[in-house]
Structures are given as C-alpha cells and as structure tokens.
PDB file of N, CA and C in Angstrom:
ATOM      1  N   UNK A   1     159.945 140.625 139.008  1.00  0.00           N
ATOM      2  CA  UNK A   1     159.237 139.200 139.401  1.00  0.00           C
ATOM      3  C   UNK A   1     157.914 139.632 138.402  1.00  0.00           C
ATOM      4  N   UNK A   2     157.557 140.673 137.391  1.00  0.00           N
ATOM      5  CA  UNK A   2     156.373 140.999 137.017  1.00  0.00           C
ATOM      6  C   UNK A   2     155.351 140.315 136.865  1.00  0.00           C
ATOM      7  N   UNK A   3     154.637 139.305 136.745  1.00  0.00           N
ATOM      8  CA  UNK A   3     154.512 138.573 136.175  1.00  0.00           C
ATOM      9  C   UNK A   3     152.853 138.555 136.080  1.00  0.00           C
ATOM     10  N   UNK A   4     152.071 139.450 134.682  1.00  0.00           N
ATOM     11  CA  UNK A   4     150.747 140.101 134.745  1.00  0.00           C
ATOM     12  C   UNK A   4     149.396 138.842 135.112  1.00  0.00           C
ATOM     13  N   UNK A   5     149.782 137.676 134.690  1.00  0.00           N
ATOM     14  CA  UNK A   5     148.633 137.035 134.548  1.00  0.00           C
ATOM     15  C   UNK A   5     148.297 137.108 136.647  1.00  0.00           C
ATOM     16  N   UNK A   6     149.130 136.840 136.859  1.00  0.00           N
ATOM     17  CA  UNK A   6     149.222 136.189 138.733  1.00  0.00           C
ATOM     18  C   UNK A   6     149.307 137.865 139.105  1.00  0.00           C
ATOM     19  N   UNK A   7     149.295 138.558 138.906  1.00  0.00           N
ATOM     20  CA  UNK A   7     149.389 140.162 139.140  1.00  0.00           C
ATOM     21  C   UNK A   7     148.337 140.997 139.330  1.00  0.00           C
ATOM     22  N   UNK A   8     147.554 140.732 138.160  1.00  0.00           N
ATOM     23  CA  UNK A   8     146.747 140.766 137.175  1.00  0.00           C
ATOM     24  C   UNK A   8     145.158 140.887 138.520  1.00  0.00           C
ATOM     25  N   UNK A   9     145.143 140.065 139.241  1.00  0.00           N
ATOM     26  CA  UNK A   9     143.812 139.585 140.077  1.00  0.00           C
ATOM     27  C   UNK A   9     144.065 140.332 140.971  1.00  0.00           C
ATOM     28  N   UNK A  10     145.576 140.831 141.852  1.00  0.00           N
ATOM     29  CA  UNK A  10     145.937 141.571 142.890  1.00  0.00           C
ATOM     30  C   UNK A  10     146.041 143.127 142.290  1.00  0.00           C
ATOM     31  N   UNK A  11     145.910 143.273 141.349  1.00  0.00           N
ATOM     32  CA  UNK A  11     145.995 144.806 140.640  1.00  0.00           C
ATOM     33  C   UNK A  11     144.195 145.276 140.644  1.00  0.00           C
ATOM     34  N   UNK A  12     143.529 144.115 140.531  1.00  0.00           N
ATOM     35  CA  UNK A  12     141.991 144.689 139.985  1.00  0.00           C
ATOM     36  C   UNK A  12     141.650 145.148 141.117  1.00  0.00           C
ATOM     37  N   UNK A  13     141.743 144.298 142.268  1.00  0.00           N
ATOM     38  CA  UNK A  13     141.607 143.906 143.731  1.00  0.00           C
ATOM     39  C   UNK A  13     141.855 145.145 144.270  1.00  0.00           C
ATOM     40  N   UNK A  14     142.917 145.864 143.959  1.00  0.00           N
ATOM     41  CA  UNK A  14     143.178 147.251 144.333  1.00  0.00           C
ATOM     42  C   UNK A  14     142.820 148.175 143.813  1.00  0.00           C
ATOM     43  N   UNK A  15     142.495 147.999 142.638  1.00  0.00           N
ATOM     44  CA  UNK A  15     141.839 148.819 141.851  1.00  0.00           C
ATOM     45  C   UNK A  15     139.908 149.053 142.234  1.00  0.00           C
ATOM     46  N   UNK A  16     139.508 148.080 142.709  1.00  0.00           N
ATOM     47  CA  UNK A  16     138.607 147.956 143.367  1.00  0.00           C
ATOM     48  C   UNK A  16     138.399 148.158 144.394  1.00  0.00           C
ATOM     49  N   UNK A  17     139.834 148.034 145.498  1.00  0.00           N
ATOM     50  CA  UNK A  17     139.724 149.043 147.118  1.00  0.00           C
ATOM     51  C   UNK A  17     139.598 150.586 146.450  1.00  0.00           C
ATOM     52  N   UNK A  18     139.990 151.294 145.725  1.00  0.00           N
ATOM     53  CA  UNK A  18     140.507 152.422 145.228  1.00  0.00           C
ATOM     54  C   UNK A  18     139.129 153.188 145.107  1.00  0.00           C
ATOM     55  N   UNK A  19     138.612 152.807 144.251  1.00  0.00           N
ATOM     56  CA  UNK A  19     137.382 152.952 143.463  1.00  0.00           C
ATOM     57  C   UNK A  19     136.449 153.198 144.557  1.00  0.00           C
ATOM     58  N   UNK A  20     136.116 152.084 145.232  1.00  0.00           N
ATOM     59  CA  UNK A  20     135.310 152.012 146.126  1.00  0.00           C
ATOM     60  C   UNK A  20     135.161 153.118 147.588  1.00  0.00           C
ATOM     61  N   UNK A  21     136.864 153.370 147.998  1.00  0.00           N
ATOM     62  CA  UNK A  21     136.957 155.099 148.704  1.00  0.00           C
ATOM     63  C   UNK A  21     137.112 155.707 147.567  1.00  0.00           C
ATOM     64  N   UNK A  22     136.437 155.651 146.362  1.00  0.00           N
ATOM     65  CA  UNK A  22     136.187 157.001 145.857  1.00  0.00           C
ATOM     66  C   UNK A  22     137.991 157.850 145.295  1.00  0.00           C
ATOM     67  N   UNK A  23     138.657 157.217 145.205  1.00  0.00           N
ATOM     68  CA  UNK A  23     140.046 157.551 145.003  1.00  0.00           C
ATOM     69  C   UNK A  23     140.675 157.392 143.545  1.00  0.00           C
ATOM     70  N   UNK A  24     141.414 159.097 143.339  1.00  0.00           N
ATOM     71  CA  UNK A  24     141.601 158.805 142.486  1.00  0.00           C
ATOM     72  C   UNK A  24     143.176 157.832 142.248  1.00  0.00           C
ATOM     73  N   UNK A  25     143.990 157.512 141.432  1.00  0.00           N
ATOM     74  CA  UNK A  25     145.078 156.853 141.504  1.00  0.00           C
ATOM     75  C   UNK A  25     146.128 157.894 141.811  1.00  0.00           C
ATOM     76  N   UNK A  26     145.880 159.174 142.150  1.00  0.00           N
ATOM     77  CA  UNK A  26     146.928 160.011 142.108  1.00  0.00           C
ATOM     78  C   UNK A  26     146.769 159.953 143.451  1.00  0.00           C
ATOM     79  N   UNK A  27     145.839 160.412 144.456  1.00  0.00           N
ATOM     80  CA  UNK A  27     145.319 160.164 145.999  1.00  0.00           C
ATOM     81  C   UNK A  27     146.050 159.127 146.256  1.00  0.00           C
ATOM     82  N   UNK A  28     146.017 158.065 145.718  1.00  0.00           N
ATOM     83  CA  UNK A  28     145.925 156.531 146.544  1.00  0.00           C
ATOM     84  C   UNK A  28     147.736 156.536 146.346  1.00  0.00           C
ATOM     85  N   UNK A  29     148.211 157.138 145.274  1.00  0.00           N
ATOM     86  CA  UNK A  29     149.819 156.850 145.251  1.00  0.00           C
ATOM     87  C   UNK A  29     150.306 157.967 146.065  1.00  0.00           C
ATOM     88  N   UNK A  30     150.060 159.426 146.165  1.00  0.00           N
ATOM     89  CA  UNK A  30     150.287 160.086 147.240  1.00  0.00           C
ATOM     90  C   UNK A  30     150.517 159.684 148.669  1.00  0.00           C
ATOM     91  N   UNK A  31     149.292 158.650 149.106  1.00  0.00           N
ATOM     92  CA  UNK A  31     149.683 158.447 150.279  1.00  0.00           C
ATOM     93  C   UNK A  31     150.436 156.691 150.414  1.00  0.00           C
ATOM     94  N   UNK A  32     150.837 156.568 149.680  1.00  0.00           N
ATOM     95  CA  UNK A  32     151.403 155.327 149.041  1.00  0.00           C
ATOM     96  C   UNK A  32     153.415 156.055 148.953  1.00  0.00           C
ATOM     97  N   UNK A  33     152.800 157.432 148.801  1.00  0.00           N
ATOM     98  CA  UNK A  33     154.411 158.209 148.895  1.00  0.00           C
ATOM     99  C   UNK A  33     155.463 157.375 147.423  1.00  0.00           C
ATOM    100  N   UNK A  34     154.360 157.356 146.413  1.00  0.00           N
ATOM    101  CA  UNK A  34     155.351 156.333 144.813  1.00  0.00           C
ATOM    102  C   UNK A  34     154.320 156.985 143.482  1.00  0.00           C
ATOM    103  N   UNK A  35     154.751 157.297 142.742  1.00  0.00           N
ATOM    104  CA  UNK A  35     154.521 158.155 141.558  1.00  0.00           C
ATOM    105  C   UNK A  35     153.087 157.344 140.912  1.00  0.00           C
ATOM    106  N   UNK A  36     152.590 158.317 140.786  1.00  0.00           N
ATOM    107  CA  UNK A  36     151.199 157.696 139.827  1.00  0.00           C
ATOM    108  C   UNK A  36     151.311 156.948 138.627  1.00  0.00           C
ATOM    109  N   UNK A  37     152.157 156.785 138.267  1.00  0.00           N
ATOM    110  CA  UNK A  37     153.025 155.456 136.864  1.00  0.00           C
ATOM    111  C   UNK A  37     153.143 154.595 137.654  1.00  0.00           C
ATOM    112  N   UNK A  38     154.059 154.679 139.030  1.00  0.00           N
ATOM    113  CA  UNK A  38     153.868 153.116 139.451  1.00  0.00           C
ATOM    114  C   UNK A  38     152.923 152.787 140.571  1.00  0.00           C
ATOM    115  N   UNK A  39     151.964 153.721 140.867  1.00  0.00           N
ATOM    116  CA  UNK A  39     150.962 153.110 141.182  1.00  0.00           C
ATOM    117  C   UNK A  39     149.841 152.415 140.149  1.00  0.00           C
ATOM    118  N   UNK A  40     149.656 153.176 138.805  1.00  0.00           N
ATOM    119  CA  UNK A  40     149.258 152.693 137.204  1.00  0.00           C
ATOM    120  C   UNK A  40     149.733 150.807 137.401  1.00  0.00           C
ATOM    121  N   UNK A  41     150.529 151.108 137.163  1.00  0.00           N
ATOM    122  CA  UNK A  41     152.051 149.760 136.981  1.00  0.00           C
ATOM    123  C   UNK A  41     151.235 148.492 138.256  1.00  0.00           C
ATOM    124  N   UNK A  42     150.970 149.201 139.236  1.00  0.00           N
ATOM    125  CA  UNK A  42     150.650 147.777 139.729  1.00  0.00           C
ATOM    126  C   UNK A  42     149.383 147.548 139.922  1.00  0.00           C
ATOM    127  N   UNK A  43     148.056 148.463 139.664  1.00  0.00           N
ATOM    128  CA  UNK A  43     147.007 147.968 139.176  1.00  0.00           C
ATOM    129  C   UNK A  43     146.893 147.383 138.032  1.00  0.00           C
ATOM    130  N   UNK A  44     147.790 147.714 137.002  1.00  0.00           N
ATOM    131  CA  UNK A  44     147.716 146.601 135.796  1.00  0.00           C
ATOM    132  C   UNK A  44     148.273 145.443 135.943  1.00  0.00           C
ATOM    133  N   UNK A  45     149.337 145.047 137.199  1.00  0.00           N
ATOM    134  CA  UNK A  45     149.556 143.820 137.221  1.00  0.00           C
ATOM    135  C   UNK A  45     150.735 143.938 136.349  1.00  0.00           C
ATOM    136  N   UNK A  46     151.766 144.788 135.657  1.00  0.00           N
ATOM    137  CA  UNK A  46     152.792 144.692 135.396  1.00  0.00           C
ATOM    138  C   UNK A  46     153.982 144.817 136.348  1.00  0.00           C
ATOM    139  N   UNK A  47     154.057 144.995 137.821  1.00  0.00           N
ATOM    140  CA  UNK A  47     154.854 145.561 138.555  1.00  0.00           C
ATOM    141  C   UNK A  47     154.664 144.785 139.564  1.00  0.00           C
ATOM    142  N   UNK A  48     154.937 143.504 140.225  1.00  0.00           N
ATOM    143  CA  UNK A  48     155.769 142.696 140.672  1.00  0.00           C
ATOM    144  C   UNK A  48     155.389 143.503 142.628  1.00  0.00           C
ATOM    145  N   UNK A  49     153.795 143.365 143.200  1.00  0.00           N
ATOM    146  CA  UNK A  49     154.493 143.778 144.479  1.00  0.00           C
ATOM    147  C   UNK A  49     154.559 143.060 145.621  1.00  0.00           C
ATOM    148  N   UNK A  50     155.820 143.620 146.401  1.00  0.00           N
ATOM    149  CA  UNK A  50     156.421 142.808 147.783  1.00  0.00           C
ATOM    150  C   UNK A  50     155.815 142.675 148.685  1.00  0.00           C
ATOM    151  N   UNK A  51     156.314 142.261 149.943  1.00  0.00           N
ATOM    152  CA  UNK A  51     154.907 142.470 151.467  1.00  0.00           C
ATOM    153  C   UNK A  51     155.626 143.197 151.906  1.00  0.00           C
ATOM    154  N   UNK A  52     156.089 144.131 152.307  1.00  0.00           N
ATOM    155  CA  UNK A  52     156.037 145.479 152.715  1.00  0.00           C
ATOM    156  C   UNK A  52     154.929 146.473 151.823  1.00  0.00           C
ATOM    157  N   UNK A  53     155.417 146.403 150.464  1.00  0.00           N
ATOM    158  CA  UNK A  53     154.165 147.619 149.981  1.00  0.00           C
ATOM    159  C   UNK A  53     153.097 146.834 150.045  1.00  0.00           C
ATOM    160  N   UNK A  54     152.677 145.710 149.578  1.00  0.00           N
ATOM    161  CA  UNK A  54     151.465 145.079 150.156  1.00  0.00           C
ATOM    162  C   UNK A  54     150.833 145.302 151.136  1.00  0.00           C
ATOM    163  N   UNK A  55     151.739 145.064 152.140  1.00  0.00           N
ATOM    164  CA  UNK A  55     151.247 145.738 153.319  1.00  0.00           C
ATOM    165  C   UNK A  55     150.392 146.867 153.427  1.00  0.00           C
ATOM    166  N   UNK A  56     151.502 147.537 153.191  1.00  0.00           N
ATOM    167  CA  UNK A  56     150.879 149.186 152.862  1.00  0.00           C
ATOM    168  C   UNK A  56     149.540 149.308 152.728  1.00  0.00           C
ATOM    169  N   UNK A  57     149.409 148.912 151.143  1.00  0.00           N
ATOM    170  CA  UNK A  57     148.350 148.731 150.572  1.00  0.00           C
ATOM    171  C   UNK A  57     146.891 148.699 151.616  1.00  0.00           C
ATOM    172  N   UNK A  58     147.325 147.113 152.124  1.00  0.00           N
ATOM    173  CA  UNK A  58     146.607 146.501 153.097  1.00  0.00           C
ATOM    174  C   UNK A  58     145.891 147.880 154.148  1.00  0.00           C
ATOM    175  N   UNK A  59     146.983 148.172 154.661  1.00  0.00           N
ATOM    176  CA  UNK A  59     146.550 149.326 155.681  1.00  0.00           C
ATOM    177  C   UNK A  59     145.834 150.731 155.174  1.00  0.00           C
ATOM    178  N   UNK A  60     146.143 151.150 154.115  1.00  0.00           N
ATOM    179  CA  UNK A  60     145.863 152.165 153.150  1.00  0.00           C
ATOM    180  C   UNK A  60     144.532 151.835 153.086  1.00  0.00           C
ATOM    181  N   UNK A  61     144.086 150.981 152.744  1.00  0.00           N
ATOM    182  CA  UNK A  61     142.329 150.645 152.087  1.00  0.00           C
ATOM    183  C   UNK A  61     142.053 149.536 153.693  1.00  0.00           C
ATOM    184  N   UNK A  62     142.373 149.758 154.604  1.00  0.00           N
ATOM    185  CA  UNK A  62     141.510 148.745 156.169  1.00  0.00           C
ATOM    186  C   UNK A  62     141.163 148.173 155.493  1.00  0.00           C
ATOM    187  N   UNK A  63     142.194 146.762 154.950  1.00  0.00           N
ATOM    188  CA  UNK A  63     141.911 144.976 154.027  1.00  0.00           C
ATOM    189  C   UNK A  63     142.855 144.419 154.944  1.00  0.00           C
ATOM    190  N   UNK A  64     142.476 143.244 154.537  1.00  0.00           N
ATOM    191  CA  UNK A  64     143.674 142.201 155.607  1.00  0.00           C
ATOM    192  C   UNK A  64     144.436 141.461 153.457  1.00  0.00           C
ATOM    193  N   UNK A  65     145.582 141.364 153.966  1.00  0.00           N
ATOM    194  CA  UNK A  65     146.731 140.964 152.909  1.00  0.00           C
ATOM    195  C   UNK A  65     145.578 139.748 151.728  1.00  0.00           C
ATOM    196  N   UNK A  66     145.281 139.105 152.405  1.00  0.00           N
ATOM    197  CA  UNK A  66     144.350 137.904 151.777  1.00  0.00           C
ATOM    198  C   UNK A  66     142.963 138.872 151.240  1.00  0.00           C
ATOM    199  N   UNK A  67     142.794 140.043 151.217  1.00  0.00           N
ATOM    200  CA  UNK A  67     141.398 140.765 150.644  1.00  0.00           C
ATOM    201  C   UNK A  67     141.978 140.582 149.162  1.00  0.00           C
ATOM    202  N   UNK A  68     143.444 141.428 149.477  1.00  0.00           N
ATOM    203  CA  UNK A  68     144.273 141.754 148.260  1.00  0.00           C
ATOM    204  C   UNK A  68     144.554 141.268 147.144  1.00  0.00           C
ATOM    205  N   UNK A  69     145.208 139.717 147.653  1.00  0.00           N
ATOM    206  CA  UNK A  69     145.299 138.884 146.684  1.00  0.00           C
ATOM    207  C   UNK A  69     144.637 137.283 146.281  1.00  0.00           C
ATOM    208  N   UNK A  70     143.372 137.677 147.437  1.00  0.00           N
ATOM    209  CA  UNK A  70     142.611 136.695 146.815  1.00  0.00           C
ATOM    210  C   UNK A  70     141.816 137.191 145.199  1.00  0.00           C
ATOM    211  N   UNK A  71     142.288 135.447 144.882  1.00  0.00           N
ATOM    212  CA  UNK A  71     141.417 136.046 143.455  1.00  0.00           C
ATOM    213  C   UNK A  71     139.531 136.157 143.674  1.00  0.00           C
ATOM    214  N   UNK A  72     138.820 136.790 142.939  1.00  0.00           N
ATOM    215  CA  UNK A  72     137.698 136.360 143.086  1.00  0.00           C
ATOM    216  C   UNK A  72     136.534 135.843 143.110  1.00  0.00           C
ATOM    217  N   UNK A  73     136.135 135.793 144.036  1.00  0.00           N
ATOM    218  CA  UNK A  73     134.275 134.583 144.189  1.00  0.00           C
ATOM    219  C   UNK A  73     135.460 134.086 145.409  1.00  0.00           C
ATOM    220  N   UNK A  74     136.520 134.218 146.196  1.00  0.00           N
ATOM    221  CA  UNK A  74     137.268 133.251 147.129  1.00  0.00           C
ATOM    222  C   UNK A  74     136.975 134.385 148.487  1.00  0.00           C
ATOM    223  N   UNK A  75     136.113 133.574 149.278  1.00  0.00           N
ATOM    224  CA  UNK A  75     136.177 134.236 150.450  1.00  0.00           C
ATOM    225  C   UNK A  75     136.158 133.880 151.596  1.00  0.00           C
ATOM    226  N   UNK A  76     136.595 134.282 152.151  1.00  0.00           N
ATOM    227  CA  UNK A  76     137.210 132.880 153.691  1.00  0.00           C
ATOM    228  C   UNK A  76     137.369 134.206 155.002  1.00  0.00           C
ATOM    229  N   UNK A  77     137.267 133.235 155.834  1.00  0.00           N
ATOM    230  CA  UNK A  77     137.656 134.382 157.408  1.00  0.00           C
ATOM    231  C   UNK A  77     139.420 134.525 157.656  1.00  0.00           C
ATOM    232  N   UNK A  78     139.247 135.434 158.220  1.00  0.00           N
ATOM    233  CA  UNK A  78     140.801 135.166 158.135  1.00  0.00           C
ATOM    234  C   UNK A  78     141.294 134.755 158.967  1.00  0.00           C
ATOM    235  N   UNK A  79     142.594 134.069 158.816  1.00  0.00           N
ATOM    236  CA  UNK A  79     143.127 132.718 159.841  1.00  0.00           C
ATOM    237  C   UNK A  79     142.577 131.119 159.518  1.00  0.00           C
ATOM    238  N   UNK A  80     141.488 130.890 158.425  1.00  0.00           N
ATOM    239  CA  UNK A  80     140.816 130.089 158.705  1.00  0.00           C
ATOM    240  C   UNK A  80     141.484 128.883 157.748  1.00  0.00           C
ATOM    241  N   UNK A  81     141.662 127.797 157.948  1.00  0.00           N
ATOM    242  CA  UNK A  81     142.658 127.055 157.177  1.00  0.00           C
ATOM    243  C   UNK A  81     142.175 127.385 155.276  1.00  0.00           C
ATOM    244  N   UNK A  82     141.345 127.267 154.786  1.00  0.00           N
ATOM    245  CA  UNK A  82     141.170 128.193 153.546  1.00  0.00           C
ATOM    246  C   UNK A  82     141.942 128.935 153.042  1.00  0.00           C
ATOM    247  N   UNK A  83     142.433 130.170 154.119  1.00  0.00           N
ATOM    248  CA  UNK A  83     143.015 131.203 153.780  1.00  0.00           C
ATOM    249  C   UNK A  83     144.627 130.935 153.436  1.00  0.00           C
ATOM    250  N   UNK A  84     144.712 129.960 154.701  1.00  0.00           N
ATOM    251  CA  UNK A  84     146.373 129.481 154.675  1.00  0.00           C
ATOM    252  C   UNK A  84     146.694 128.848 153.859  1.00  0.00           C
ATOM    253  N   UNK A  85     145.889 127.607 153.067  1.00  0.00           N
ATOM    254  CA  UNK A  85     146.080 127.035 152.335  1.00  0.00           C
ATOM    255  C   UNK A  85     145.874 127.658 151.067  1.00  0.00           C
ATOM    256  N   UNK A  86     145.398 128.824 150.502  1.00  0.00           N
ATOM    257  CA  UNK A  86     145.159 129.966 149.223  1.00  0.00           C
ATOM    258  C   UNK A  86     146.662 130.677 149.598  1.00  0.00           C
ATOM    259  N   UNK A  87     147.024 131.251 150.864  1.00  0.00           N
ATOM    260  CA  UNK A  87     148.093 132.006 151.163  1.00  0.00           C
ATOM    261  C   UNK A  87     149.888 131.142 150.665  1.00  0.00           C
ATOM    262  N   UNK A  88     149.341 129.771 151.038  1.00  0.00           N
ATOM    263  CA  UNK A  88     150.772 128.748 151.280  1.00  0.00           C
ATOM    264  C   UNK A  88     150.880 128.528 149.465  1.00  0.00           C
ATOM    265  N   UNK A  89     149.786 128.349 148.584  1.00  0.00           N
ATOM    266  CA  UNK A  89     149.831 128.477 147.159  1.00  0.00           C
ATOM    267  C   UNK A  89     150.291 129.417 146.513  1.00  0.00           C
ATOM    268  N   UNK A  90     149.707 130.782 146.915  1.00  0.00           N
ATOM    269  CA  UNK A  90     150.665 131.652 146.578  1.00  0.00           C
ATOM    270  C   UNK A  90     152.170 131.845 147.004  1.00  0.00           C
ATOM    271  N   UNK A  91     152.487 131.922 147.641  1.00  0.00           N
ATOM    272  CA  UNK A  91     153.676 131.872 148.411  1.00  0.00           C
ATOM    273  C   UNK A  91     154.609 130.765 147.521  1.00  0.00           C
ATOM    274  N   UNK A  92     153.772 129.745 147.419  1.00  0.00           N
ATOM    275  CA  UNK A  92     154.894 128.282 146.596  1.00  0.00           C
ATOM    276  C   UNK A  92     155.009 128.730 145.268  1.00  0.00           C
ATOM    277  N   UNK A  93     154.003 129.620 144.969  1.00  0.00           N
ATOM    278  CA  UNK A  93     153.805 130.182 143.348  1.00  0.00           C
ATOM    279  C   UNK A  93     155.346 131.151 142.977  1.00  0.00           C
ATOM    280  N   UNK A  94     155.287 132.337 144.319  1.00  0.00           N
ATOM    281  CA  UNK A  94     156.795 132.768 143.740  1.00  0.00           C
ATOM    282  C   UNK A  94     157.638 132.548 144.333  1.00  0.00           C
ATOM    283  N   UNK A  95     157.922 131.513 145.566  1.00  0.00           N
ATOM    284  CA  UNK A  95     159.201 130.524 145.406  1.00  0.00           C
ATOM    285  C   UNK A  95     159.770 129.802 144.268  1.00  0.00           C
ATOM    286  N   UNK A  96     158.644 129.593 143.429  1.00  0.00           N
ATOM    287  CA  UNK A  96     158.370 128.592 141.987  1.00  0.00           C
ATOM    288  C   UNK A  96     159.401 129.833 141.335  1.00  0.00           C
ATOM    289  N   UNK A  97     158.719 131.015 141.241  1.00  0.00           N
ATOM    290  CA  UNK A  97     159.500 132.001 140.461  1.00  0.00           C
ATOM    291  C   UNK A  97     160.740 132.639 140.674  1.00  0.00           C
ATOM    292  N   UNK A  98     160.599 132.699 142.024  1.00  0.00           N
ATOM    293  CA  UNK A  98     162.191 133.387 142.256  1.00  0.00           C
ATOM    294  C   UNK A  98     162.986 131.836 141.874  1.00  0.00           C
ATOM    295  N   UNK A  99     162.771 130.563 142.283  1.00  0.00           N
ATOM    296  CA  UNK A  99     164.269 129.866 141.820  1.00  0.00           C
ATOM    297  C   UNK A  99     164.058 130.309 139.492  1.00  0.00           C
ATOM    298  N   UNK A 100     163.753 130.650 139.719  1.00  0.00           N
ATOM    299  CA  UNK A 100     163.442 130.209 137.863  1.00  0.00           C
ATOM    300  C   UNK A 100     164.204 130.831 137.581  1.00  0.00           C
ATOM    301  N   UNK A 101     164.035 132.755 138.488  1.00  0.00           N
ATOM    302  CA  UNK A 101     165.053 133.781 138.171  1.00  0.00           C
ATOM    303  C   UNK A 101     166.518 133.559 138.576  1.00  0.00           C
ATOM    304  N   UNK A 102     166.676 132.705 139.536  1.00  0.00           N
ATOM    305  CA  UNK A 102     167.829 132.640 140.001  1.00  0.00           C
ATOM    306  C   UNK A 102     168.211 131.783 139.114  1.00  0.00           C
ATOM    307  N   UNK A 103     167.747 130.635 138.535  1.00  0.00           N
ATOM    308  CA  UNK A 103     168.524 129.935 137.878  1.00  0.00           C
ATOM    309  C   UNK A 103     168.822 130.652 136.223  1.00  0.00           C
ATOM    310  N   UNK A 104     168.421 131.816 135.647  1.00  0.00           N
ATOM    311  CA  UNK A 104     168.533 132.065 134.484  1.00  0.00           C
ATOM    312  C   UNK A 104     169.702 133.461 134.994  1.00  0.00           C
ATOM    313  N   UNK A 105     169.713 134.185 136.218  1.00  0.00           N
ATOM    314  CA  UNK A 105     170.312 134.771 136.489  1.00  0.00           C
ATOM    315  C   UNK A 105     171.815 133.956 136.552  1.00  0.00           C
ATOM    316  N   UNK A 106     172.041 132.568 136.898  1.00  0.00           N
ATOM    317  CA  UNK A 106     173.390 132.034 137.098  1.00  0.00           C
ATOM    318  C   UNK A 106     173.338 131.392 135.698  1.00  0.00           C
ATOM    319  N   UNK A 107     172.953 131.511 135.026  1.00  0.00           N
ATOM    320  CA  UNK A 107     173.041 130.808 133.119  1.00  0.00           C
ATOM    321  C   UNK A 107     173.419 132.303 132.512  1.00  0.00           C
ATOM    322  N   UNK A 108     172.923 133.462 133.129  1.00  0.00           N
ATOM    323  CA  UNK A 108     173.592 134.628 131.676  1.00  0.00           C
ATOM    324  C   UNK A 108     175.102 134.420 132.350  1.00  0.00           C
ATOM    325  N   UNK A 109     175.128 134.486 133.975  1.00  0.00           N
ATOM    326  CA  UNK A 109     176.649 134.795 134.459  1.00  0.00           C
ATOM    327  C   UNK A 109     177.551 133.811 134.314  1.00  0.00           C
ATOM    328  N   UNK A 110     177.189 132.077 134.016  1.00  0.00           N
ATOM    329  CA  UNK A 110     178.280 130.999 133.180  1.00  0.00           C
ATOM    330  C   UNK A 110     178.311 131.638 131.581  1.00  0.00           C
ATOM    331  N   UNK A 111     176.949 131.998 130.845  1.00  0.00           N
ATOM    332  CA  UNK A 111     177.595 132.467 129.854  1.00  0.00           C
ATOM    333  C   UNK A 111     178.883 133.864 129.111  1.00  0.00           C
ATOM    334  N   UNK A 112     178.349 134.427 130.202  1.00  0.00           N
ATOM    335  CA  UNK A 112     179.177 135.725 130.164  1.00  0.00           C
ATOM    336  C   UNK A 112     180.482 135.606 130.562  1.00  0.00           C
ATOM    337  N   UNK A 113     180.750 134.697 131.638  1.00  0.00           N
ATOM    338  CA  UNK A 113     181.792 133.787 132.218  1.00  0.00           C
ATOM    339  C   UNK A 113     182.668 133.538 130.678  1.00  0.00           C
ATOM    340  N   UNK A 114     182.296 132.468 129.833  1.00  0.00           N
ATOM    341  CA  UNK A 114     182.439 131.227 128.914  1.00  0.00           C
ATOM    342  C   UNK A 114     182.566 132.760 127.996  1.00  0.00           C
ATOM    343  N   UNK A 115     181.583 133.485 127.760  1.00  0.00           N
ATOM    344  CA  UNK A 115     182.363 134.373 126.240  1.00  0.00           C
ATOM    345  C   UNK A 115     183.297 135.047 126.766  1.00  0.00           C
ATOM    346  N   UNK A 116     183.792 135.209 127.822  1.00  0.00           N
ATOM    347  CA  UNK A 116     184.847 136.555 128.424  1.00  0.00           C
ATOM    348  C   UNK A 116     186.223 136.065 129.332  1.00  0.00           C
ATOM    349  N   UNK A 117     187.100 135.300 128.681  1.00  0.00           N
ATOM    350  CA  UNK A 117     187.949 134.228 130.146  1.00  0.00           C
ATOM    351  C   UNK A 117     188.583 135.279 130.566  1.00  0.00           C
ATOM    352  N   UNK A 118     189.282 135.104 131.629  1.00  0.00           N
ATOM    353  CA  UNK A 118     189.646 136.388 132.292  1.00  0.00           C
ATOM    354  C   UNK A 118     191.383 135.830 131.900  1.00  0.00           C
TER     355      UNK A 118
END
C-alpha cells in the first residue's frame, strides 16, 4: 500500500527525527533490524509503514506515533481531541485504501477465473 503522497510526510518526519539524533540511515536501520535500502524507502515515502513498525520507530526516537504521522505544522497534546480527530482521519484514509486494494484483488481474481475456466 505504498502511497507516496500520504507517506512522504511520515518519511520526512522520520528523517528529521533521525537527523536530530545525528544518526545515519545505516545506524537507524541497524537499530530497527532492517536494511539501509528498506529504511531509505521508509524515509522517502515509498514504503508503507505498518503499525508495529511505526511503533518501533516511535520508540527508537522516543516520540509518540502521532509525532511521526502528524503533518507539518500540526502540534497537539497527546490524547487531545485534535490528536484523536487527526488519527481517525488517517485511519479512515488507510481503510479506504485497503478497501480499494481488496476490490482490485477481487477484480483480478475474477478476471483470471473468467480467462481460465476449469
């Protein structure tokens, strides 16, 4: 589900957090037990991040998940109504994307099935 437009702000936030620590991509990747190219793809927004990886990154940089996924200029207190609203919006966007991808899978399955009748 790598949607560059949505994940580019997340990647940018991760890059900024890494740079604040003074770490290279290699150092951050080693701490996360992933390859440097995999970490680079996260920072560039190419790779979609699952919740467990997001939590791992937040713990590594000692920030909240919201600090990573918040768009630039949004600052809220953890647990505030604004944080909850923004997180719900992001979750709804991800759920919409999942539904679209599930539909594509079903359509492709039906296409393969109709082209290869048993």
